[in-house]
Amino acid sequence: GYDVEIAKRVADALGKELVIVKTEWDGLLPALESNVIDAIIAGM
């Protein structure tokens, strides 16, 4: 999807490997704040 294509560009620019973590909508903010994920790229 669109978000994944944007995420790939961001990861490449940062020199990092992209890892997709499937997360329920309501769990995105808590996951970011608790370091489970590094970024939310989810049409937010």
All heavy atoms as atom14 arrays in JSON, in Angstrom:
{
  "sequence": "GYDVEIAKRVADALGKELVIVKTEWDGLLPALESNVIDAIIAGM",
  "atom14_mask": [
    [1, 1, 1, 1, 0, 0, 0, 0, 0, 0, 0, 0, 0, 0],
    [1, 1, 1, 1, 1, 1, 1, 1, 1, 1, 1, 1, 0, 0],
    [1, 1, 1, 1, 1, 1, 1, 1, 0, 0, 0, 0, 0, 0],
    [1, 1, 1, 1, 1, 1, 1, 0, 0, 0, 0, 0, 0, 0],
    [1, 1, 1, 1, 1, 1, 1, 1, 1, 0, 0, 0, 0, 0],
    [1, 1, 1, 1, 1, 1, 1, 1, 0, 0, 0, 0, 0, 0],
    [1, 1, 1, 1, 1, 0, 0, 0, 0, 0, 0, 0, 0, 0],
    [1, 1, 1, 1, 1, 1, 1, 1, 1, 0, 0, 0, 0, 0],
    [1, 1, 1, 1, 1, 1, 1, 1, 1, 1, 1, 0, 0, 0],
    [1, 1, 1, 1, 1, 1, 1, 0, 0, 0, 0, 0, 0, 0],
    [1, 1, 1, 1, 1, 0, 0, 0, 0, 0, 0, 0, 0, 0],
    [1, 1, 1, 1, 1, 1, 1, 1, 0, 0, 0, 0, 0, 0],
    [1, 1, 1, 1, 1, 0, 0, 0, 0, 0, 0, 0, 0, 0],
    [1, 1, 1, 1, 1, 1, 1, 1, 0, 0, 0, 0, 0, 0],
    [1, 1, 1, 1, 0, 0, 0, 0, 0, 0, 0, 0, 0, 0],
    [1, 1, 1, 1, 1, 1, 1, 1, 1, 0, 0, 0, 0, 0],
    [1, 1, 1, 1, 1, 1, 1, 1, 1, 0, 0, 0, 0, 0],
    [1, 1, 1, 1, 1, 1, 1, 1, 0, 0, 0, 0, 0, 0],
    [1, 1, 1, 1, 1, 1, 1, 0, 0, 0, 0, 0, 0, 0],
    [1, 1, 1, 1, 1, 1, 1, 1, 0, 0, 0, 0, 0, 0],
    [1, 1, 1, 1, 1, 1, 1, 0, 0, 0, 0, 0, 0, 0],
    [1, 1, 1, 1, 1, 1, 1, 1, 1, 0, 0, 0, 0, 0],
    [1, 1, 1, 1, 1, 1, 1, 0, 0, 0, 0, 0, 0, 0],
    [1, 1, 1, 1, 1, 1, 1, 1, 1, 0, 0, 0, 0, 0],
    [1, 1, 1, 1, 1, 1, 1, 1, 1, 1, 1, 1, 1, 1],
    [1, 1, 1, 1, 1, 1, 1, 1, 0, 0, 0, 0, 0, 0],
    [1, 1, 1, 1, 0, 0, 0, 0, 0, 0, 0, 0, 0, 0],
    [1, 1, 1, 1, 1, 1, 1, 1, 0, 0, 0, 0, 0, 0],
    [1, 1, 1, 1, 1, 1, 1, 1, 0, 0, 0, 0, 0, 0],
    [1, 1, 1, 1, 1, 1, 1, 0, 0, 0, 0, 0, 0, 0],
    [1, 1, 1, 1, 1, 0, 0, 0, 0, 0, 0, 0, 0, 0],
    [1, 1, 1, 1, 1, 1, 1, 1, 0, 0, 0, 0, 0, 0],
    [1, 1, 1, 1, 1, 1, 1, 1, 1, 0, 0, 0, 0, 0],
    [1, 1, 1, 1, 1, 1, 0, 0, 0, 0, 0, 0, 0, 0],
    [1, 1, 1, 1, 1, 1, 1, 1, 0, 0, 0, 0, 0, 0],
    [1, 1, 1, 1, 1, 1, 1, 0, 0, 0, 0, 0, 0, 0],
    [1, 1, 1, 1, 1, 1, 1, 1, 0, 0, 0, 0, 0, 0],
    [1, 1, 1, 1, 1, 1, 1, 1, 0, 0, 0, 0, 0, 0],
    [1, 1, 1, 1, 1, 0, 0, 0, 0, 0, 0, 0, 0, 0],
    [1, 1, 1, 1, 1, 1, 1, 1, 0, 0, 0, 0, 0, 0],
    [1, 1, 1, 1, 1, 1, 1, 1, 0, 0, 0, 0, 0, 0],
    [1, 1, 1, 1, 1, 0, 0, 0, 0, 0, 0, 0, 0, 0],
    [1, 1, 1, 1, 0, 0, 0, 0, 0, 0, 0, 0, 0, 0],
    [1, 1, 1, 1, 1, 1, 1, 1, 0, 0, 0, 0, 0, 0]
  ],
  "atom14_positions": [
    [[0.79, -1.22, 0.0], [0.0, 0.0, 0.0], [0.82, 1.27, 0.0], [2.06, 1.24, 0.05], [0.0, 0.0, 0.0], [0.0, 0.0, 0.0], [0.0, 0.0, 0.0], [0.0, 0.0, 0.0], [0.0, 0.0, 0.0], [0.0, 0.0, 0.0], [0.0, 0.0, 0.0], [0.0, 0.0, 0.0], [0.0, 0.0, 0.0], [0.0, 0.0, 0.0]],
    [[0.13, 2.38, -0.05], [0.77, 3.71, -0.11], [1.69, 3.93, 1.09], [2.83, 4.38, 0.93], [-0.31, 4.78, -0.14], [0.22, 6.19, -0.32], [0.46, 6.71, -1.58], [0.47, 7.0, 0.78], [0.95, 8.01, -1.75], [0.96, 8.29, 0.63], [1.2, 8.79, -0.63], [1.68, 10.07, -0.79], [0.0, 0.0, 0.0], [0.0, 0.0, 0.0]],
    [[1.21, 3.62, 2.28], [2.03, 3.81, 3.48], [3.32, 3.0, 3.43], [4.38, 3.47, 3.87], [1.25, 3.42, 4.73], [0.11, 4.38, 5.04], [0.23, 5.57, 4.71], [-0.9, 3.94, 5.62], [0.0, 0.0, 0.0], [0.0, 0.0, 0.0], [0.0, 0.0, 0.0], [0.0, 0.0, 0.0], [0.0, 0.0, 0.0], [0.0, 0.0, 0.0]],
    [[3.23, 1.79, 2.92], [4.42, 0.93, 2.84], [5.44, 1.52, 1.87], [6.65, 1.5, 2.14], [4.02, -0.5, 2.41], [5.26, -1.37, 2.18], [3.12, -1.15, 3.47], [0.0, 0.0, 0.0], [0.0, 0.0, 0.0], [0.0, 0.0, 0.0], [0.0, 0.0, 0.0], [0.0, 0.0, 0.0], [0.0, 0.0, 0.0], [0.0, 0.0, 0.0]],
    [[4.98, 2.07, 0.76], [5.89, 2.69, -0.19], [6.6, 3.9, 0.42], [7.79, 4.11, 0.21], [5.14, 3.1, -1.47], [4.59, 1.93, -2.27], [5.68, 0.93, -2.64], [6.75, 1.36, -3.12], [5.47, -0.28, -2.44], [0.0, 0.0, 0.0], [0.0, 0.0, 0.0], [0.0, 0.0, 0.0], [0.0, 0.0, 0.0], [0.0, 0.0, 0.0]],
    [[5.87, 4.7, 1.19], [6.47, 5.84, 1.88], [7.46, 5.34, 2.93], [8.57, 5.87, 3.07], [5.39, 6.73, 2.53], [4.47, 7.33, 1.47], [6.04, 7.81, 3.39], [5.16, 8.26, 0.48], [0.0, 0.0, 0.0], [0.0, 0.0, 0.0], [0.0, 0.0, 0.0], [0.0, 0.0, 0.0], [0.0, 0.0, 0.0], [0.0, 0.0, 0.0]],
    [[7.09, 4.3, 3.66], [7.96, 3.75, 4.71], [9.27, 3.24, 4.12], [10.34, 3.4, 4.72], [7.23, 2.61, 5.44], [0.0, 0.0, 0.0], [0.0, 0.0, 0.0], [0.0, 0.0, 0.0], [0.0, 0.0, 0.0], [0.0, 0.0, 0.0], [0.0, 0.0, 0.0], [0.0, 0.0, 0.0], [0.0, 0.0, 0.0], [0.0, 0.0, 0.0]],
    [[9.21, 2.64, 2.94], [10.42, 2.12, 2.29], [11.39, 3.26, 1.96], [12.59, 3.15, 2.16], [10.04, 1.35, 1.02], [9.48, -0.03, 1.32], [8.58, -0.58, 0.24], [9.27, -0.81, -1.06], [8.37, -1.52, -2.02], [0.0, 0.0, 0.0], [0.0, 0.0, 0.0], [0.0, 0.0, 0.0], [0.0, 0.0, 0.0], [0.0, 0.0, 0.0]],
    [[10.85, 4.36, 1.49], [11.69, 5.51, 1.16], [12.33, 6.1, 2.41], [13.5, 6.49, 2.39], [10.84, 6.58, 0.45], [10.4, 6.17, -0.95], [9.32, 7.1, -1.49], [8.83, 6.64, -2.79], [9.08, 7.24, -3.94], [9.79, 8.34, -3.96], [8.59, 6.76, -5.07], [0.0, 0.0, 0.0], [0.0, 0.0, 0.0], [0.0, 0.0, 0.0]],
    [[11.56, 6.17, 3.47], [12.08, 6.72, 4.73], [13.18, 5.82, 5.29], [14.25, 6.3, 5.7], [10.95, 6.88, 5.77], [11.51, 7.21, 7.14], [9.98, 7.97, 5.32], [0.0, 0.0, 0.0], [0.0, 0.0, 0.0], [0.0, 0.0, 0.0], [0.0, 0.0, 0.0], [0.0, 0.0, 0.0], [0.0, 0.0, 0.0], [0.0, 0.0, 0.0]],
    [[12.95, 4.52, 5.31], [13.93, 3.57, 5.84], [15.23, 3.64, 5.03], [16.33, 3.64, 5.6], [13.36, 2.17, 5.83], [0.0, 0.0, 0.0], [0.0, 0.0, 0.0], [0.0, 0.0, 0.0], [0.0, 0.0, 0.0], [0.0, 0.0, 0.0], [0.0, 0.0, 0.0], [0.0, 0.0, 0.0], [0.0, 0.0, 0.0], [0.0, 0.0, 0.0]],
    [[15.11, 3.69, 3.71], [16.29, 3.78, 2.85], [17.11, 5.04, 3.16], [18.33, 4.99, 3.25], [15.88, 3.79, 1.37], [15.44, 2.41, 0.89], [15.7, 1.43, 1.59], [14.81, 2.34, -0.19], [0.0, 0.0, 0.0], [0.0, 0.0, 0.0], [0.0, 0.0, 0.0], [0.0, 0.0, 0.0], [0.0, 0.0, 0.0], [0.0, 0.0, 0.0]],
    [[16.41, 6.16, 3.32], [17.11, 7.43, 3.59], [17.81, 7.41, 4.94], [18.87, 8.03, 5.11], [16.11, 8.58, 3.54], [0.0, 0.0, 0.0], [0.0, 0.0, 0.0], [0.0, 0.0, 0.0], [0.0, 0.0, 0.0], [0.0, 0.0, 0.0], [0.0, 0.0, 0.0], [0.0, 0.0, 0.0], [0.0, 0.0, 0.0], [0.0, 0.0, 0.0]],
    [[17.24, 6.69, 5.9], [17.85, 6.6, 7.23], [18.9, 5.49, 7.31], [19.56, 5.33, 8.33], [16.77, 6.33, 8.28], [15.7, 7.43, 8.48], [14.67, 6.99, 9.51], [16.34, 8.74, 8.89], [0.0, 0.0, 0.0], [0.0, 0.0, 0.0], [0.0, 0.0, 0.0], [0.0, 0.0, 0.0], [0.0, 0.0, 0.0], [0.0, 0.0, 0.0]],
    [[19.04, 4.73, 6.23], [20.01, 3.64, 6.22], [19.61, 2.48, 7.12], [20.47, 1.8, 7.69], [0.0, 0.0, 0.0], [0.0, 0.0, 0.0], [0.0, 0.0, 0.0], [0.0, 0.0, 0.0], [0.0, 0.0, 0.0], [0.0, 0.0, 0.0], [0.0, 0.0, 0.0], [0.0, 0.0, 0.0], [0.0, 0.0, 0.0], [0.0, 0.0, 0.0]],
    [[18.3, 2.24, 7.24], [17.81, 1.18, 8.12], [16.97, 0.17, 7.35], [16.46, 0.46, 6.28], [16.97, 1.8, 9.25], [17.76, 2.73, 10.16], [16.88, 3.26, 11.29], [17.69, 4.16, 12.22], [16.87, 4.65, 13.35], [0.0, 0.0, 0.0], [0.0, 0.0, 0.0], [0.0, 0.0, 0.0], [0.0, 0.0, 0.0], [0.0, 0.0, 0.0]],
    [[16.86, -1.01, 7.94], [16.01, -2.06, 7.36], [14.58, -1.85, 7.83], [14.32, -1.67, 9.03], [16.5, -3.44, 7.8], [15.64, -4.58, 7.28], [16.03, -5.93, 7.86], [17.1, -6.01, 8.5], [15.26, -6.89, 7.68], [0.0, 0.0, 0.0], [0.0, 0.0, 0.0], [0.0, 0.0, 0.0], [0.0, 0.0, 0.0], [0.0, 0.0, 0.0]],
    [[13.64, -1.87, 6.9], [12.23, -1.66, 7.24], [11.62, -2.94, 7.83], [11.72, -4.0, 7.25], [11.44, -1.25, 6.0], [9.93, -1.1, 6.17], [9.59, -0.04, 7.21], [9.28, -0.76, 4.83], [0.0, 0.0, 0.0], [0.0, 0.0, 0.0], [0.0, 0.0, 0.0], [0.0, 0.0, 0.0], [0.0, 0.0, 0.0], [0.0, 0.0, 0.0]],
    [[11.01, -2.78, 8.99], [10.27, -3.87, 9.64], [8.84, -3.39, 9.84], [8.61, -2.36, 10.47], [10.9, -4.25, 11.0], [10.03, -5.29, 11.71], [12.31, -4.79, 10.8], [0.0, 0.0, 0.0], [0.0, 0.0, 0.0], [0.0, 0.0, 0.0], [0.0, 0.0, 0.0], [0.0, 0.0, 0.0], [0.0, 0.0, 0.0], [0.0, 0.0, 0.0]],
    [[7.88, -4.13, 9.3], [6.47, -3.78, 9.43], [5.88, -4.51, 10.63], [5.95, -5.74, 10.72], [5.67, -4.14, 8.17], [6.18, -3.34, 6.95], [4.18, -3.89, 8.39], [5.95, -1.84, 7.04], [0.0, 0.0, 0.0], [0.0, 0.0, 0.0], [0.0, 0.0, 0.0], [0.0, 0.0, 0.0], [0.0, 0.0, 0.0], [0.0, 0.0, 0.0]],
    [[5.29, -3.74, 11.55], [4.65, -4.32, 12.73], [3.14, -4.08, 12.62], [2.68, -2.95, 12.75], [5.19, -3.69, 14.04], [4.55, -4.36, 15.25], [6.72, -3.81, 14.1], [0.0, 0.0, 0.0], [0.0, 0.0, 0.0], [0.0, 0.0, 0.0], [0.0, 0.0, 0.0], [0.0, 0.0, 0.0], [0.0, 0.0, 0.0], [0.0, 0.0, 0.0]],
    [[2.4, -5.13, 12.35], [0.94, -5.01, 12.19], [0.32, -4.71, 13.55], [0.46, -5.48, 14.51], [0.38, -6.3, 11.61], [-1.09, -6.22, 11.2], [-1.5, -7.49, 10.46], [-2.95, -7.42, 9.99], [-3.33, -8.61, 9.19], [0.0, 0.0, 0.0], [0.0, 0.0, 0.0], [0.0, 0.0, 0.0], [0.0, 0.0, 0.0], [0.0, 0.0, 0.0]],
    [[-0.38, -3.57, 13.63], [-0.89, -3.08, 14.91], [-2.3, -2.54, 14.75], [-2.58, -1.81, 13.8], [0.02, -1.94, 15.44], [1.4, -2.36, 15.39], [-0.35, -1.57, 16.87], [0.0, 0.0, 0.0], [0.0, 0.0, 0.0], [0.0, 0.0, 0.0], [0.0, 0.0, 0.0], [0.0, 0.0, 0.0], [0.0, 0.0, 0.0], [0.0, 0.0, 0.0]],
    [[-3.18, -2.89, 15.67], [-4.54, -2.35, 15.64], [-4.5, -0.84, 15.76], [-3.61, -0.28, 16.42], [-5.37, -2.94, 16.79], [-5.67, -4.43, 16.67], [-6.57, -4.76, 15.5], [-7.39, -3.89, 15.12], [-6.47, -5.88, 14.97], [0.0, 0.0, 0.0], [0.0, 0.0, 0.0], [0.0, 0.0, 0.0], [0.0, 0.0, 0.0], [0.0, 0.0, 0.0]],
    [[-5.46, -0.16, 15.16], [-5.49, 1.31, 15.15], [-5.34, 1.9, 16.54], [-4.5, 2.78, 16.77], [-6.77, 1.8, 14.48], [-6.91, 3.29, 14.47], [-7.65, 4.06, 15.32], [-6.25, 4.2, 13.57], [-7.51, 5.39, 15.0], [-6.66, 5.5, 13.93], [-5.38, 4.03, 12.5], [-6.22, 6.64, 13.26], [-4.95, 5.16, 11.82], [-5.35, 6.44, 12.2]],
    [[-6.14, 1.43, 17.49], [-6.09, 1.98, 18.84], [-4.79, 1.66, 19.57], [-4.48, 2.27, 20.59], [-7.27, 1.44, 19.68], [-8.57, 2.17, 19.35], [-8.52, 3.17, 18.63], [-9.63, 1.73, 19.82], [0.0, 0.0, 0.0], [0.0, 0.0, 0.0], [0.0, 0.0, 0.0], [0.0, 0.0, 0.0], [0.0, 0.0, 0.0], [0.0, 0.0, 0.0]],
    [[-4.02, 0.71, 19.04], [-2.77, 0.34, 19.68], [-1.55, 1.06, 19.14], [-0.44, 0.89, 19.65], [0.0, 0.0, 0.0], [0.0, 0.0, 0.0], [0.0, 0.0, 0.0], [0.0, 0.0, 0.0], [0.0, 0.0, 0.0], [0.0, 0.0, 0.0], [0.0, 0.0, 0.0], [0.0, 0.0, 0.0], [0.0, 0.0, 0.0], [0.0, 0.0, 0.0]],
    [[-1.74, 1.87, 18.09], [-0.59, 2.52, 17.45], [0.13, 3.51, 18.37], [1.36, 3.45, 18.5], [-1.03, 3.21, 16.16], [-1.36, 2.27, 15.0], [-2.04, 3.03, 13.86], [-0.08, 1.59, 14.48], [0.0, 0.0, 0.0], [0.0, 0.0, 0.0], [0.0, 0.0, 0.0], [0.0, 0.0, 0.0], [0.0, 0.0, 0.0], [0.0, 0.0, 0.0]],
    [[-0.61, 4.42, 18.98], [0.03, 5.4, 19.87], [0.71, 4.72, 21.07], [1.88, 5.03, 21.36], [-0.99, 6.44, 20.35], [-1.44, 7.48, 19.31], [-2.46, 8.42, 19.92], [-0.27, 8.26, 18.76], [0.0, 0.0, 0.0], [0.0, 0.0, 0.0], [0.0, 0.0, 0.0], [0.0, 0.0, 0.0], [0.0, 0.0, 0.0], [0.0, 0.0, 0.0]],
    [[0.04, 3.8, 21.78], [0.72, 3.11, 22.87], [1.97, 2.35, 22.41], [2.98, 2.32, 23.13], [-0.35, 2.14, 23.41], [-1.64, 2.78, 23.04], [-1.39, 3.44, 21.71], [0.0, 0.0, 0.0], [0.0, 0.0, 0.0], [0.0, 0.0, 0.0], [0.0, 0.0, 0.0], [0.0, 0.0, 0.0], [0.0, 0.0, 0.0], [0.0, 0.0, 0.0]],
    [[1.91, 1.74, 21.23], [3.06, 0.99, 20.72], [4.24, 1.91, 20.45], [5.4, 1.55, 20.7], [2.68, 0.24, 19.44], [0.0, 0.0, 0.0], [0.0, 0.0, 0.0], [0.0, 0.0, 0.0], [0.0, 0.0, 0.0], [0.0, 0.0, 0.0], [0.0, 0.0, 0.0], [0.0, 0.0, 0.0], [0.0, 0.0, 0.0], [0.0, 0.0, 0.0]],
    [[3.96, 3.11, 19.94], [5.02, 4.08, 19.68], [5.63, 4.58, 20.99], [6.85, 4.62, 21.15], [4.47, 5.26, 18.88], [5.47, 6.36, 18.51], [6.59, 5.81, 17.63], [4.77, 7.52, 17.82], [0.0, 0.0, 0.0], [0.0, 0.0, 0.0], [0.0, 0.0, 0.0], [0.0, 0.0, 0.0], [0.0, 0.0, 0.0], [0.0, 0.0, 0.0]],
    [[4.77, 4.93, 21.93], [5.25, 5.47, 23.2], [6.02, 4.44, 24.03], [6.89, 4.81, 24.82], [4.07, 6.02, 24.01], [3.4, 7.23, 23.36], [2.2, 7.72, 24.14], [1.13, 7.09, 24.07], [2.34, 8.73, 24.84], [0.0, 0.0, 0.0], [0.0, 0.0, 0.0], [0.0, 0.0, 0.0], [0.0, 0.0, 0.0], [0.0, 0.0, 0.0]],
    [[5.72, 3.16, 23.85], [6.39, 2.11, 24.61], [7.55, 1.47, 23.85], [8.06, 0.42, 24.25], [5.38, 1.03, 25.01], [4.79, 0.44, 23.87], [0.0, 0.0, 0.0], [0.0, 0.0, 0.0], [0.0, 0.0, 0.0], [0.0, 0.0, 0.0], [0.0, 0.0, 0.0], [0.0, 0.0, 0.0], [0.0, 0.0, 0.0], [0.0, 0.0, 0.0]],
    [[7.95, 2.08, 22.72], [9.1, 1.63, 21.92], [8.89, 0.29, 21.2], [9.86, -0.31, 20.74], [10.37, 1.54, 22.78], [10.77, 2.88, 23.36], [10.7, 3.9, 22.7], [11.19, 2.88, 24.62], [0.0, 0.0, 0.0], [0.0, 0.0, 0.0], [0.0, 0.0, 0.0], [0.0, 0.0, 0.0], [0.0, 0.0, 0.0], [0.0, 0.0, 0.0]],
    [[7.66, -0.17, 21.11], [7.39, -1.38, 20.33], [7.6, -1.08, 18.85], [8.05, -1.93, 18.09], [5.95, -1.88, 20.58], [5.59, -3.03, 19.64], [5.8, -2.32, 22.03], [0.0, 0.0, 0.0], [0.0, 0.0, 0.0], [0.0, 0.0, 0.0], [0.0, 0.0, 0.0], [0.0, 0.0, 0.0], [0.0, 0.0, 0.0], [0.0, 0.0, 0.0]],
    [[7.27, 0.14, 18.43], [7.52, 0.6, 17.07], [8.27, 1.93, 17.13], [8.3, 2.6, 18.16], [6.2, 0.78, 16.27], [5.26, 1.78, 16.96], [5.52, -0.57, 16.07], [3.99, 2.07, 16.18], [0.0, 0.0, 0.0], [0.0, 0.0, 0.0], [0.0, 0.0, 0.0], [0.0, 0.0, 0.0], [0.0, 0.0, 0.0], [0.0, 0.0, 0.0]],
    [[8.88, 2.3, 16.01], [9.66, 3.54, 15.93], [8.9, 4.65, 15.22], [9.25, 5.82, 15.35], [10.98, 3.3, 15.18], [11.82, 2.23, 15.84], [12.01, 2.31, 17.08], [12.3, 1.32, 15.14], [0.0, 0.0, 0.0], [0.0, 0.0, 0.0], [0.0, 0.0, 0.0], [0.0, 0.0, 0.0], [0.0, 0.0, 0.0], [0.0, 0.0, 0.0]],
    [[7.9, 4.28, 14.44], [7.15, 5.28, 13.68], [5.77, 4.74, 13.34], [5.58, 3.53, 13.2], [7.89, 5.65, 12.4], [0.0, 0.0, 0.0], [0.0, 0.0, 0.0], [0.0, 0.0, 0.0], [0.0, 0.0, 0.0], [0.0, 0.0, 0.0], [0.0, 0.0, 0.0], [0.0, 0.0, 0.0], [0.0, 0.0, 0.0], [0.0, 0.0, 0.0]],
    [[4.81, 5.66, 13.22], [3.47, 5.32, 12.74], [3.34, 5.87, 11.33], [3.42, 7.08, 11.12], [2.38, 5.95, 13.63], [2.46, 5.42, 15.06], [1.0, 5.68, 13.04], [1.55, 6.16, 16.03], [0.0, 0.0, 0.0], [0.0, 0.0, 0.0], [0.0, 0.0, 0.0], [0.0, 0.0, 0.0], [0.0, 0.0, 0.0], [0.0, 0.0, 0.0]],
    [[3.19, 4.97, 10.36], [2.94, 5.39, 8.98], [1.68, 4.64, 8.57], [1.74, 3.55, 8.0], [4.13, 5.09, 8.05], [5.42, 5.68, 8.63], [3.88, 5.66, 6.65], [6.66, 5.47, 7.77], [0.0, 0.0, 0.0], [0.0, 0.0, 0.0], [0.0, 0.0, 0.0], [0.0, 0.0, 0.0], [0.0, 0.0, 0.0], [0.0, 0.0, 0.0]],
    [[0.53, 5.23, 8.9], [-0.71, 4.47, 8.82], [-1.9, 5.33, 8.43], [-3.01, 5.12, 8.92], [-0.98, 3.8, 10.18], [0.0, 0.0, 0.0], [0.0, 0.0, 0.0], [0.0, 0.0, 0.0], [0.0, 0.0, 0.0], [0.0, 0.0, 0.0], [0.0, 0.0, 0.0], [0.0, 0.0, 0.0], [0.0, 0.0, 0.0], [0.0, 0.0, 0.0]],
    [[-1.67, 6.32, 7.57], [-2.79, 7.18, 7.19], [-3.33, 7.98, 8.36], [-4.52, 8.28, 8.41], [0.0, 0.0, 0.0], [0.0, 0.0, 0.0], [0.0, 0.0, 0.0], [0.0, 0.0, 0.0], [0.0, 0.0, 0.0], [0.0, 0.0, 0.0], [0.0, 0.0, 0.0], [0.0, 0.0, 0.0], [0.0, 0.0, 0.0], [0.0, 0.0, 0.0]],
    [[-2.47, 8.33, 9.31], [-2.9, 9.02, 10.53], [-2.85, 10.54, 10.34], [-1.84, 11.09, 9.9], [-2.04, 8.61, 11.71], [-2.42, 9.3, 13.03], [-1.51, 8.67, 14.46], [-2.41, 7.13, 14.77], [0.0, 0.0, 0.0], [0.0, 0.0, 0.0], [0.0, 0.0, 0.0], [0.0, 0.0, 0.0], [0.0, 0.0, 0.0], [0.0, 0.0, 0.0]]
  ]
}
